[in-house]
């Protein structure tokens, strides 16, 4: 009886763990969405950095005479 209950419990655990994780297609979609979002965040940061980029000023080391 113990052996049968253990096998039943074990098979129930296996079924739960295999059914609860996302399907392969869902995981692929999640990775694609994450890549798309990280790319858009990177583009937004690059655009913001380009807006505030400091242009080199004219040579100010020469003194006026």
Protein backbone atom coordinates (compact mmCIF):
# COMPACT_ATOMS: atom_id res chain seq x y z
CA UNK A 1 0.00 0.00 0.00
CA UNK A 2 2.84 2.38 0.84
CA UNK A 3 4.44 1.70 -2.51
CA UNK A 4 1.21 2.41 -4.39
CA UNK A 5 0.57 5.65 -2.49
CA UNK A 6 4.16 6.76 -3.06
CA UNK A 7 3.87 6.09 -6.81
CA UNK A 8 0.58 7.97 -6.93
CA UNK A 9 2.07 10.93 -5.06
CA UNK A 10 5.20 10.91 -7.22
CA UNK A 11 3.24 10.77 -10.48
CA UNK A 12 0.98 13.59 -9.26
CA UNK A 13 4.03 15.74 -8.49
CA UNK A 14 5.55 15.03 -11.91
CA UNK A 15 2.30 15.95 -13.66
CA UNK A 16 2.00 19.19 -11.65
CA UNK A 17 5.55 20.30 -12.40
CA UNK A 18 5.34 19.51 -16.10
CA UNK A 19 1.91 21.08 -16.63
CA UNK A 20 2.55 24.28 -14.65
CA UNK A 21 5.49 25.63 -16.61
CA UNK A 22 4.82 27.68 -19.75
CA UNK A 23 4.78 25.99 -23.11
CA UNK A 24 7.78 26.34 -25.40
CA UNK A 25 5.88 28.72 -27.68
CA UNK A 26 4.97 30.92 -24.73
CA UNK A 27 8.58 31.02 -23.58
CA UNK A 28 9.71 32.02 -27.08
CA UNK A 29 7.09 34.80 -27.13
CA UNK A 30 8.21 36.00 -23.70
CA UNK A 31 11.84 36.14 -24.83
CA UNK A 32 10.91 38.01 -28.01
CA UNK A 33 8.88 40.54 -26.00
CA UNK A 34 11.71 40.98 -23.52
CA UNK A 35 14.22 41.56 -26.34
CA UNK A 36 11.89 44.05 -28.03
CA UNK A 37 11.36 45.96 -24.78
CA UNK A 38 15.07 46.02 -23.94
CA UNK A 39 15.85 47.26 -27.46
CA UNK A 40 13.30 50.06 -27.16
CA UNK A 41 14.68 51.05 -23.76
CA UNK A 42 18.19 51.09 -25.23
CA UNK A 43 17.04 53.28 -28.13
CA UNK A 44 15.33 55.69 -25.73
CA UNK A 45 18.49 55.97 -23.64
CA UNK A 46 20.63 56.52 -26.75
CA UNK A 47 18.28 59.27 -27.98
CA UNK A 48 18.34 60.98 -24.59
CA UNK A 49 22.14 60.82 -24.50
CA UNK A 50 22.34 62.29 -28.02
CA UNK A 51 20.12 65.20 -26.98
CA UNK A 52 22.36 66.17 -24.09
CA UNK A 53 25.66 65.48 -25.82
CA UNK A 54 28.02 68.38 -25.20
CA UNK A 55 29.62 69.70 -28.33
CA UNK A 56 33.28 70.66 -27.94
CA UNK A 57 33.62 74.41 -27.56
CA UNK A 58 36.08 76.54 -29.50
CA UNK A 59 39.62 76.62 -28.18
CA UNK A 60 39.41 78.80 -25.05
CA UNK A 61 43.01 78.33 -23.98
CA UNK A 62 44.23 81.30 -26.05
CA UNK A 63 44.17 84.56 -24.20
CA UNK A 64 42.93 87.68 -25.95
CA UNK A 65 45.58 90.39 -26.29
